PDB file of N, CA and C in Angstrom:
ATOM      1  N   UNK A   1    -239.632 209.368-153.854  1.00  0.00           N
ATOM      2  CA  UNK A   1    -240.073 208.115-152.643  1.00  0.00           C
ATOM      3  C   UNK A   1    -240.660 208.586-151.412  1.00  0.00           C
ATOM      4  N   UNK A   2    -241.683 208.524-150.809  1.00  0.00           N
ATOM      5  CA  UNK A   2    -242.131 208.571-149.697  1.00  0.00           C
ATOM      6  C   UNK A   2    -241.075 208.511-148.154  1.00  0.00           C
ATOM      7  N   UNK A   3    -241.236 208.577-147.369  1.00  0.00           N
ATOM      8  CA  UNK A   3    -240.682 209.182-146.389  1.00  0.00           C
ATOM      9  C   UNK A   3    -241.270 207.682-145.921  1.00  0.00           C
ATOM     10  N   UNK A   4    -242.454 207.147-145.643  1.00  0.00           N
ATOM     11  CA  UNK A   4    -242.010 205.479-144.834  1.00  0.00           C
ATOM     12  C   UNK A   4    -241.440 204.611-146.220  1.00  0.00           C
ATOM     13  N   UNK A   5    -241.118 205.091-147.455  1.00  0.00           N
ATOM     14  CA  UNK A   5    -240.377 203.650-148.335  1.00  0.00           C
ATOM     15  C   UNK A   5    -239.180 203.998-147.790  1.00  0.00           C
ATOM     16  N   UNK A   6    -238.587 204.933-147.352  1.00  0.00           N
ATOM     17  CA  UNK A   6    -236.978 205.298-147.093  1.00  0.00           C
ATOM     18  C   UNK A   6    -237.112 205.030-145.785  1.00  0.00           C
ATOM     19  N   UNK A   7    -237.791 204.788-144.608  1.00  0.00           N
ATOM     20  CA  UNK A   7    -237.188 204.247-143.810  1.00  0.00           C
ATOM     21  C   UNK A   7    -237.569 202.551-144.115  1.00  0.00           C
ATOM     22  N   UNK A   8    -238.755 202.102-144.659  1.00  0.00           N
ATOM     23  CA  UNK A   8    -238.499 200.928-145.228  1.00  0.00           C
ATOM     24  C   UNK A   8    -236.963 200.080-145.514  1.00  0.00           C
ATOM     25  N   UNK A   9    -236.672 200.950-146.636  1.00  0.00           N
ATOM     26  CA  UNK A   9    -234.895 200.705-147.096  1.00  0.00           C
ATOM     27  C   UNK A   9    -234.641 200.194-146.244  1.00  0.00           C
ATOM     28  N   UNK A  10    -233.946 201.877-145.550  1.00  0.00           N
ATOM     29  CA  UNK A  10    -232.825 201.963-144.294  1.00  0.00           C
ATOM     30  C   UNK A  10    -233.287 200.349-143.287  1.00  0.00           C
ATOM     31  N   UNK A  11    -233.852 200.307-143.232  1.00  0.00           N
ATOM     32  CA  UNK A  11    -234.294 199.422-142.130  1.00  0.00           C
ATOM     33  C   UNK A  11    -234.058 197.660-142.568  1.00  0.00           C
ATOM     34  N   UNK A  12    -234.747 198.060-143.795  1.00  0.00           N
ATOM     35  CA  UNK A  12    -233.967 196.515-144.616  1.00  0.00           C
ATOM     36  C   UNK A  12    -232.883 196.147-144.903  1.00  0.00           C
ATOM     37  N   UNK A  13    -231.667 197.376-145.165  1.00  0.00           N
ATOM     38  CA  UNK A  13    -230.088 197.355-145.251  1.00  0.00           C
ATOM     39  C   UNK A  13    -229.734 197.241-143.466  1.00  0.00           C
ATOM     40  N   UNK A  14    -230.240 197.816-142.973  1.00  0.00           N
ATOM     41  CA  UNK A  14    -228.836 197.952-141.307  1.00  0.00           C
ATOM     42  C   UNK A  14    -229.742 196.690-140.976  1.00  0.00           C
ATOM     43  N   UNK A  15    -231.013 195.211-141.364  1.00  0.00           N
ATOM     44  CA  UNK A  15    -230.630 194.372-140.854  1.00  0.00           C
ATOM     45  C   UNK A  15    -230.009 193.720-141.342  1.00  0.00           C
ATOM     46  N   UNK A  16    -230.131 193.916-142.870  1.00  0.00           N
ATOM     47  CA  UNK A  16    -228.598 192.815-143.384  1.00  0.00           C
ATOM     48  C   UNK A  16    -227.731 193.419-143.386  1.00  0.00           C
ATOM     49  N   UNK A  17    -226.929 194.498-142.806  1.00  0.00           N
ATOM     50  CA  UNK A  17    -225.845 194.203-142.172  1.00  0.00           C
ATOM     51  C   UNK A  17    -225.431 194.114-140.777  1.00  0.00           C
ATOM     52  N   UNK A  18    -226.379 194.280-139.992  1.00  0.00           N
ATOM     53  CA  UNK A  18    -226.266 193.370-138.723  1.00  0.00           C
ATOM     54  C   UNK A  18    -226.350 191.653-139.379  1.00  0.00           C
ATOM     55  N   UNK A  19    -227.219 191.176-139.677  1.00  0.00           N
ATOM     56  CA  UNK A  19    -226.980 189.492-139.739  1.00  0.00           C
ATOM     57  C   UNK A  19    -225.682 189.343-140.678  1.00  0.00           C
ATOM     58  N   UNK A  20    -224.740 190.098-141.641  1.00  0.00           N
ATOM     59  CA  UNK A  20    -223.419 189.655-142.164  1.00  0.00           C
ATOM     60  C   UNK A  20    -222.814 189.266-140.835  1.00  0.00           C
ATOM     61  N   UNK A  21    -223.327 190.811-140.220  1.00  0.00           N
ATOM     62  CA  UNK A  21    -221.960 190.829-139.203  1.00  0.00           C
ATOM     63  C   UNK A  21    -221.542 189.687-137.883  1.00  0.00           C
ATOM     64  N   UNK A  22    -222.482 189.264-138.033  1.00  0.00           N
ATOM     65  CA  UNK A  22    -222.909 188.445-136.697  1.00  0.00           C
ATOM     66  C   UNK A  22    -221.640 187.396-136.764  1.00  0.00           C
ATOM     67  N   UNK A  23    -221.545 186.861-135.604  1.00  0.00           N
ATOM     68  CA  UNK A  23    -220.751 185.520-136.313  1.00  0.00           C
ATOM     69  C   UNK A  23    -221.892 184.162-136.166  1.00  0.00           C
ATOM     70  N   UNK A  24    -220.974 182.826-137.014  1.00  0.00           N
ATOM     71  CA  UNK A  24    -221.596 181.765-136.738  1.00  0.00           C
ATOM     72  C   UNK A  24    -220.632 181.093-135.430  1.00  0.00           C
ATOM     73  N   UNK A  25    -221.446 179.470-135.863  1.00  0.00           N
ATOM     74  CA  UNK A  25    -220.924 178.468-134.793  1.00  0.00           C
ATOM     75  C   UNK A  25    -219.548 178.392-134.859  1.00  0.00           C
ATOM     76  N   UNK A  26    -218.795 178.358-136.073  1.00  0.00           N
ATOM     77  CA  UNK A  26    -217.649 178.006-136.373  1.00  0.00           C
ATOM     78  C   UNK A  26    -216.934 178.953-135.666  1.00  0.00           C
ATOM     79  N   UNK A  27    -216.758 180.262-136.102  1.00  0.00           N
ATOM     80  CA  UNK A  27    -216.512 181.443-135.423  1.00  0.00           C
ATOM     81  C   UNK A  27    -216.240 181.542-134.144  1.00  0.00           C
ATOM     82  N   UNK A  28    -217.964 181.595-133.016  1.00  0.00           N
ATOM     83  CA  UNK A  28    -217.320 180.910-132.135  1.00  0.00           C
ATOM     84  C   UNK A  28    -216.508 180.168-131.279  1.00  0.00           C
ATOM     85  N   UNK A  29    -216.896 179.116-131.695  1.00  0.00           N
ATOM     86  CA  UNK A  29    -216.068 177.630-131.498  1.00  0.00           C
ATOM     87  C   UNK A  29    -214.485 178.508-131.276  1.00  0.00           C
ATOM     88  N   UNK A  30    -214.104 178.882-132.531  1.00  0.00           N
ATOM     89  CA  UNK A  30    -213.263 178.979-132.890  1.00  0.00           C
ATOM     90  C   UNK A  30    -211.941 180.379-131.581  1.00  0.00           C
ATOM     91  N   UNK A  31    -213.498 181.347-131.326  1.00  0.00           N
ATOM     92  CA  UNK A  31    -212.872 182.196-130.178  1.00  0.00           C
ATOM     93  C   UNK A  31    -213.011 181.374-129.182  1.00  0.00           C
ATOM     94  N   UNK A  32    -213.243 180.633-128.780  1.00  0.00           N
ATOM     95  CA  UNK A  32    -213.890 179.982-127.362  1.00  0.00           C
ATOM     96  C   UNK A  32    -212.440 179.450-127.321  1.00  0.00           C
ATOM     97  N   UNK A  33    -211.989 178.543-128.152  1.00  0.00           N
ATOM     98  CA  UNK A  33    -210.229 177.508-128.569  1.00  0.00           C
ATOM     99  C   UNK A  33    -209.242 179.195-128.159  1.00  0.00           C
ATOM    100  N   UNK A  34    -208.958 179.902-128.792  1.00  0.00           N
ATOM    101  CA  UNK A  34    -208.564 181.068-128.647  1.00  0.00           C
ATOM    102  C   UNK A  34    -207.757 180.589-127.844  1.00  0.00           C
ATOM    103  N   UNK A  35    -208.892 181.837-126.990  1.00  0.00           N
ATOM    104  CA  UNK A  35    -208.933 181.977-125.017  1.00  0.00           C
ATOM    105  C   UNK A  35    -208.617 180.510-124.680  1.00  0.00           C
ATOM    106  N   UNK A  36    -209.032 179.588-124.670  1.00  0.00           N
ATOM    107  CA  UNK A  36    -208.858 178.526-124.414  1.00  0.00           C
ATOM    108  C   UNK A  36    -207.703 177.475-124.076  1.00  0.00           C
ATOM    109  N   UNK A  37    -206.415 178.399-125.111  1.00  0.00           N
ATOM    110  CA  UNK A  37    -206.068 177.493-125.783  1.00  0.00           C
ATOM    111  C   UNK A  37    -204.193 177.298-124.319  1.00  0.00           C
ATOM    112  N   UNK A  38    -204.143 178.372-123.589  1.00  0.00           N
ATOM    113  CA  UNK A  38    -203.249 178.636-122.581  1.00  0.00           C
ATOM    114  C   UNK A  38    -203.632 178.059-121.055  1.00  0.00           C
ATOM    115  N   UNK A  39    -205.598 178.119-121.634  1.00  0.00           N
ATOM    116  CA  UNK A  39    -205.735 177.586-120.353  1.00  0.00           C
ATOM    117  C   UNK A  39    -206.551 179.139-119.505  1.00  0.00           C
ATOM    118  N   UNK A  40    -208.269 178.707-119.760  1.00  0.00           N
ATOM    119  CA  UNK A  40    -208.842 179.665-119.074  1.00  0.00           C
ATOM    120  C   UNK A  40    -210.098 179.358-118.339  1.00  0.00           C
ATOM    121  N   UNK A  41    -210.441 180.312-117.176  1.00  0.00           N
ATOM    122  CA  UNK A  41    -211.619 180.004-116.194  1.00  0.00           C
ATOM    123  C   UNK A  41    -212.766 181.048-117.580  1.00  0.00           C
ATOM    124  N   UNK A  42    -214.183 179.851-117.263  1.00  0.00           N
ATOM    125  CA  UNK A  42    -215.138 180.473-117.899  1.00  0.00           C
ATOM    126  C   UNK A  42    -215.309 181.571-117.947  1.00  0.00           C
ATOM    127  N   UNK A  43    -215.287 182.176-116.365  1.00  0.00           N
ATOM    128  CA  UNK A  43    -215.732 184.197-116.748  1.00  0.00           C
ATOM    129  C   UNK A  43    -214.793 184.312-118.004  1.00  0.00           C
ATOM    130  N   UNK A  44    -213.861 184.257-117.614  1.00  0.00           N
ATOM    131  CA  UNK A  44    -212.635 184.756-119.100  1.00  0.00           C
ATOM    132  C   UNK A  44    -212.552 184.612-120.615  1.00  0.00           C
ATOM    133  N   UNK A  45    -213.289 183.128-120.324  1.00  0.00           N
ATOM    134  CA  UNK A  45    -213.792 182.873-121.604  1.00  0.00           C
ATOM    135  C   UNK A  45    -215.318 184.084-122.317  1.00  0.00           C
ATOM    136  N   UNK A  46    -216.274 183.876-121.642  1.00  0.00           N
ATOM    137  CA  UNK A  46    -217.459 184.462-121.835  1.00  0.00           C
ATOM    138  C   UNK A  46    -216.881 186.150-122.478  1.00  0.00           C
ATOM    139  N   UNK A  47    -216.198 186.873-121.386  1.00  0.00           N
ATOM    140  CA  UNK A  47    -215.527 187.778-121.556  1.00  0.00           C
ATOM    141  C   UNK A  47    -215.125 187.969-123.397  1.00  0.00           C
ATOM    142  N   UNK A  48    -213.610 187.256-123.016  1.00  0.00           N
ATOM    143  CA  UNK A  48    -213.249 187.433-124.338  1.00  0.00           C
ATOM    144  C   UNK A  48    -213.688 186.407-125.310  1.00  0.00           C
ATOM    145  N   UNK A  49    -214.890 186.173-125.621  1.00  0.00           N
ATOM    146  CA  UNK A  49    -214.701 185.648-126.582  1.00  0.00           C
ATOM    147  C   UNK A  49    -216.637 186.314-127.210  1.00  0.00           C
ATOM    148  N   UNK A  50    -216.759 187.032-126.367  1.00  0.00           N
ATOM    149  CA  UNK A  50    -217.834 187.979-126.252  1.00  0.00           C
ATOM    150  C   UNK A  50    -219.235 187.197-126.625  1.00  0.00           C
ATOM    151  N   UNK A  51    -219.135 186.607-125.842  1.00  0.00           N
ATOM    152  CA  UNK A  51    -220.892 185.592-124.931  1.00  0.00           C
ATOM    153  C   UNK A  51    -220.839 185.550-123.832  1.00  0.00           C
ATOM    154  N   UNK A  52    -222.177 185.279-123.254  1.00  0.00           N
ATOM    155  CA  UNK A  52    -222.552 185.576-122.403  1.00  0.00           C
ATOM    156  C   UNK A  52    -222.677 183.904-121.364  1.00  0.00           C
ATOM    157  N   UNK A  53    -222.896 184.073-120.192  1.00  0.00           N
ATOM    158  CA  UNK A  53    -222.332 183.087-119.378  1.00  0.00           C
ATOM    159  C   UNK A  53    -222.589 182.035-119.677  1.00  0.00           C
ATOM    160  N   UNK A  54    -224.211 181.815-119.695  1.00  0.00           N
ATOM    161  CA  UNK A  54    -225.194 181.109-119.930  1.00  0.00           C
ATOM    162  C   UNK A  54    -224.675 180.288-121.554  1.00  0.00           C
ATOM    163  N   UNK A  55    -224.868 180.934-122.657  1.00  0.00           N
ATOM    164  CA  UNK A  55    -224.206 180.769-123.394  1.00  0.00           C
ATOM    165  C   UNK A  55    -222.715 179.774-123.607  1.00  0.00           C
ATOM    166  N   UNK A  56    -222.048 180.016-123.738  1.00  0.00           N
ATOM    167  CA  UNK A  56    -221.019 179.770-123.127  1.00  0.00           C
ATOM    168  C   UNK A  56    -220.677 178.646-122.557  1.00  0.00           C
ATOM    169  N   UNK A  57    -221.221 178.292-121.724  1.00  0.00           N
ATOM    170  CA  UNK A  57    -221.755 177.095-120.940  1.00  0.00           C
ATOM    171  C   UNK A  57    -221.563 176.284-121.849  1.00  0.00           C
ATOM    172  N   UNK A  58    -223.131 176.764-122.310  1.00  0.00           N
ATOM    173  CA  UNK A  58    -223.433 175.535-123.402  1.00  0.00           C
ATOM    174  C   UNK A  58    -222.218 174.721-124.757  1.00  0.00           C
ATOM    175  N   UNK A  59    -221.849 176.030-124.778  1.00  0.00           N
ATOM    176  CA  UNK A  59    -220.490 175.783-126.217  1.00  0.00           C
ATOM    177  C   UNK A  59    -219.594 175.004-125.382  1.00  0.00           C
ATOM    178  N   UNK A  60    -219.123 174.914-124.268  1.00  0.00           N
ATOM    179  CA  UNK A  60    -218.288 174.718-123.386  1.00  0.00           C
ATOM    180  C   UNK A  60    -218.345 172.973-123.573  1.00  0.00           C
ATOM    181  N   UNK A  61    -219.872 172.852-123.174  1.00  0.00           N
ATOM    182  CA  UNK A  61    -220.109 171.035-122.667  1.00  0.00           C
ATOM    183  C   UNK A  61    -220.267 170.725-124.315  1.00  0.00           C
ATOM    184  N   UNK A  62    -220.704 171.054-125.216  1.00  0.00           N
ATOM    185  CA  UNK A  62    -220.461 170.541-126.072  1.00  0.00           C
ATOM    186  C   UNK A  62    -219.073 170.367-126.851  1.00  0.00           C
ATOM    187  N   UNK A  63    -218.281 170.861-126.789  1.00  0.00           N
ATOM    188  CA  UNK A  63    -216.769 171.448-127.008  1.00  0.00           C
ATOM    189  C   UNK A  63    -215.528 169.826-126.283  1.00  0.00           C
ATOM    190  N   UNK A  64    -216.542 170.205-124.777  1.00  0.00           N
ATOM    191  CA  UNK A  64    -215.890 168.865-123.778  1.00  0.00           C
ATOM    192  C   UNK A  64    -216.446 167.820-124.620  1.00  0.00           C
ATOM    193  N   UNK A  65    -217.974 167.115-124.842  1.00  0.00           N
ATOM    194  CA  UNK A  65    -218.109 166.189-125.328  1.00  0.00           C
ATOM    195  C   UNK A  65    -217.433 166.025-126.745  1.00  0.00           C
ATOM    196  N   UNK A  66    -217.020 166.668-127.645  1.00  0.00           N
ATOM    197  CA  UNK A  66    -216.312 166.547-128.744  1.00  0.00           C
ATOM    198  C   UNK A  66    -214.455 166.596-128.404  1.00  0.00           C
ATOM    199  N   UNK A  67    -214.158 166.823-127.228  1.00  0.00           N
ATOM    200  CA  UNK A  67    -212.878 166.354-127.126  1.00  0.00           C
ATOM    201  C   UNK A  67    -211.969 167.670-127.577  1.00  0.00           C
ATOM    202  N   UNK A  68    -212.336 169.072-127.544  1.00  0.00           N
ATOM    203  CA  UNK A  68    -211.606 169.734-128.348  1.00  0.00           C
ATOM    204  C   UNK A  68    -211.062 170.752-126.447  1.00  0.00           C
ATOM    205  N   UNK A  69    -212.358 171.130-125.754  1.00  0.00           N
ATOM    206  CA  UNK A  69    -211.821 171.578-124.501  1.00  0.00           C
ATOM    207  C   UNK A  69    -211.480 170.510-123.121  1.00  0.00           C
ATOM    208  N   UNK A  70    -211.076 170.437-122.339  1.00  0.00           N
ATOM    209  CA  UNK A  70    -210.803 169.739-121.151  1.00  0.00           C
ATOM    210  C   UNK A  70    -210.830 170.990-120.231  1.00  0.00           C
ATOM    211  N   UNK A  71    -211.739 170.161-119.376  1.00  0.00           N
ATOM    212  CA  UNK A  71    -211.461 171.085-117.826  1.00  0.00           C
ATOM    213  C   UNK A  71    -211.259 170.110-116.990  1.00  0.00           C
ATOM    214  N   UNK A  72    -209.839 170.796-116.220  1.00  0.00           N
ATOM    215  CA  UNK A  72    -208.784 170.767-115.174  1.00  0.00           C
ATOM    216  C   UNK A  72    -207.956 171.905-114.228  1.00  0.00           C
ATOM    217  N   UNK A  73    -208.160 171.412-113.054  1.00  0.00           N
ATOM    218  CA  UNK A  73    -207.609 172.212-112.583  1.00  0.00           C
ATOM    219  C   UNK A  73    -208.443 173.574-112.197  1.00  0.00           C
ATOM    220  N   UNK A  74    -209.937 173.539-112.519  1.00  0.00           N
ATOM    221  CA  UNK A  74    -210.884 174.688-111.985  1.00  0.00           C
ATOM    222  C   UNK A  74    -211.049 175.427-113.640  1.00  0.00           C
ATOM    223  N   UNK A  75    -209.934 175.047-115.675  1.00  0.00           N
ATOM    224  CA  UNK A  75    -209.879 175.264-115.983  1.00  0.00           C
ATOM    225  C   UNK A  75    -210.562 174.968-116.801  1.00  0.00           C
ATOM    226  N   UNK A  76    -210.935 175.531-118.062  1.00  0.00           N
ATOM    227  CA  UNK A  76    -210.940 174.829-119.745  1.00  0.00           C
ATOM    228  C   UNK A  76    -209.595 175.576-120.416  1.00  0.00           C
ATOM    229  N   UNK A  77    -209.050 174.226-120.920  1.00  0.00           N
ATOM    230  CA  UNK A  77    -208.047 174.174-122.098  1.00  0.00           C
ATOM    231  C   UNK A  77    -208.373 173.359-122.831  1.00  0.00           C
ATOM    232  N   UNK A  78    -207.984 173.849-124.158  1.00  0.00           N
ATOM    233  CA  UNK A  78    -207.855 173.662-125.571  1.00  0.00           C
ATOM    234  C   UNK A  78    -206.817 172.237-125.715  1.00  0.00           C
ATOM    235  N   UNK A  79    -207.111 171.497-126.119  1.00  0.00           N
ATOM    236  CA  UNK A  79    -207.486 170.436-126.341  1.00  0.00           C
ATOM    237  C   UNK A  79    -205.915 170.002-127.615  1.00  0.00           C
ATOM    238  N   UNK A  80    -205.821 169.140-127.851  1.00  0.00           N
ATOM    239  CA  UNK A  80    -204.707 168.508-129.253  1.00  0.00           C
ATOM    240  C   UNK A  80    -205.379 168.732-130.184  1.00  0.00           C
ATOM    241  N   UNK A  81    -206.958 167.895-130.280  1.00  0.00           N
ATOM    242  CA  UNK A  81    -207.423 167.708-131.120  1.00  0.00           C
ATOM    243  C   UNK A  81    -208.348 168.947-131.100  1.00  0.00           C
ATOM    244  N   UNK A  82    -208.090 169.874-130.436  1.00  0.00           N
ATOM    245  CA  UNK A  82    -209.268 171.557-130.505  1.00  0.00           C
ATOM    246  C   UNK A  82    -208.148 172.733-131.086  1.00  0.00           C
ATOM    247  N   UNK A  83    -206.853 172.442-130.695  1.00  0.00           N
ATOM    248  CA  UNK A  83    -205.694 172.884-132.018  1.00  0.00           C
ATOM    249  C   UNK A  83    -205.240 172.750-132.414  1.00  0.00           C
ATOM    250  N   UNK A  84    -205.751 171.482-133.691  1.00  0.00           N
ATOM    251  CA  UNK A  84    -206.234 170.780-134.642  1.00  0.00           C
ATOM    252  C   UNK A  84    -207.169 171.735-135.576  1.00  0.00           C
ATOM    253  N   UNK A  85    -208.402 171.767-134.703  1.00  0.00           N
ATOM    254  CA  UNK A  85    -209.502 171.983-135.052  1.00  0.00           C
ATOM    255  C   UNK A  85    -209.071 173.686-135.701  1.00  0.00           C
ATOM    256  N   UNK A  86    -208.531 174.179-134.439  1.00  0.00           N
ATOM    257  CA  UNK A  86    -208.141 175.945-134.221  1.00  0.00           C
ATOM    258  C   UNK A  86    -207.468 176.228-136.398  1.00  0.00           C
ATOM    259  N   UNK A  87    -206.406 175.381-136.109  1.00  0.00           N
ATOM    260  CA  UNK A  87    -205.505 174.827-137.604  1.00  0.00           C
ATOM    261  C   UNK A  87    -205.767 175.064-138.833  1.00  0.00           C
ATOM    262  N   UNK A  88    -206.695 174.637-138.350  1.00  0.00           N
ATOM    263  CA  UNK A  88    -207.714 173.757-139.961  1.00  0.00           C
ATOM    264  C   UNK A  88    -208.260 175.176-139.952  1.00  0.00           C
ATOM    265  N   UNK A  89    -210.014 175.992-139.139  1.00  0.00           N
ATOM    266  CA  UNK A  89    -210.429 176.680-139.079  1.00  0.00           C
ATOM    267  C   UNK A  89    -209.438 177.694-139.452  1.00  0.00           C
ATOM    268  N   UNK A  90    -208.328 178.434-139.338  1.00  0.00           N
ATOM    269  CA  UNK A  90    -207.934 179.324-139.421  1.00  0.00           C
ATOM    270  C   UNK A  90    -207.200 178.961-140.966  1.00  0.00           C
ATOM    271  N   UNK A  91    -206.868 178.193-141.728  1.00  0.00           N
ATOM    272  CA  UNK A  91    -206.500 177.828-142.642  1.00  0.00           C
ATOM    273  C   UNK A  91    -207.037 177.841-143.887  1.00  0.00           C
ATOM    274  N   UNK A  92    -208.288 177.130-143.244  1.00  0.00           N
ATOM    275  CA  UNK A  92    -209.775 177.248-144.670  1.00  0.00           C
ATOM    276  C   UNK A  92    -210.270 178.897-144.778  1.00  0.00           C
ATOM    277  N   UNK A  93    -210.277 179.819-143.005  1.00  0.00           N
ATOM    278  CA  UNK A  93    -210.582 181.051-143.510  1.00  0.00           C
ATOM    279  C   UNK A  93    -209.737 181.668-144.505  1.00  0.00           C
ATOM    280  N   UNK A  94    -207.723 181.851-144.556  1.00  0.00           N
ATOM    281  CA  UNK A  94    -207.624 182.285-144.676  1.00  0.00           C
ATOM    282  C   UNK A  94    -207.405 182.232-146.345  1.00  0.00           C
ATOM    283  N   UNK A  95    -207.827 180.641-146.815  1.00  0.00           N
ATOM    284  CA  UNK A  95    -208.192 180.766-148.314  1.00  0.00           C
ATOM    285  C   UNK A  95    -209.094 181.466-149.133  1.00  0.00           C
ATOM    286  N   UNK A  96    -210.310 181.262-148.265  1.00  0.00           N
ATOM    287  CA  UNK A  96    -211.200 181.713-148.999  1.00  0.00           C
ATOM    288  C   UNK A  96    -211.683 183.690-148.585  1.00  0.00           C
ATOM    289  N   UNK A  97    -210.801 183.937-148.002  1.00  0.00           N
ATOM    290  CA  UNK A  97    -210.768 185.406-147.511  1.00  0.00           C
ATOM    291  C   UNK A  97    -209.898 185.986-149.035  1.00  0.00           C
ATOM    292  N   UNK A  98    -210.795 186.802-149.876  1.00  0.00           N
ATOM    293  CA  UNK A  98    -210.371 187.149-150.969  1.00  0.00           C
ATOM    294  C   UNK A  98    -209.405 188.946-150.685  1.00  0.00           C
TER     295      UNK A  98
END
């Protein structure tokens, strides 16, 4: 196999691996809810959920609108509804992992 073909195949496999490792929307939401379970500032959530500041802001607005987090006293806190989501998410994930 020519060198170019080896490079193309290697690149394709590398990209497949990267995309498999990327978190989906539900996993990101679960990470944010986990960080905010006892209350956390936006910066702490961004750092611990491994998201940039703009992206975490978008997620927090979405989660607030859905009633999964609330903003009080300068920090975000996972609501009872958010804790229920987190519990259900973890349960489903546990059931699906072989």
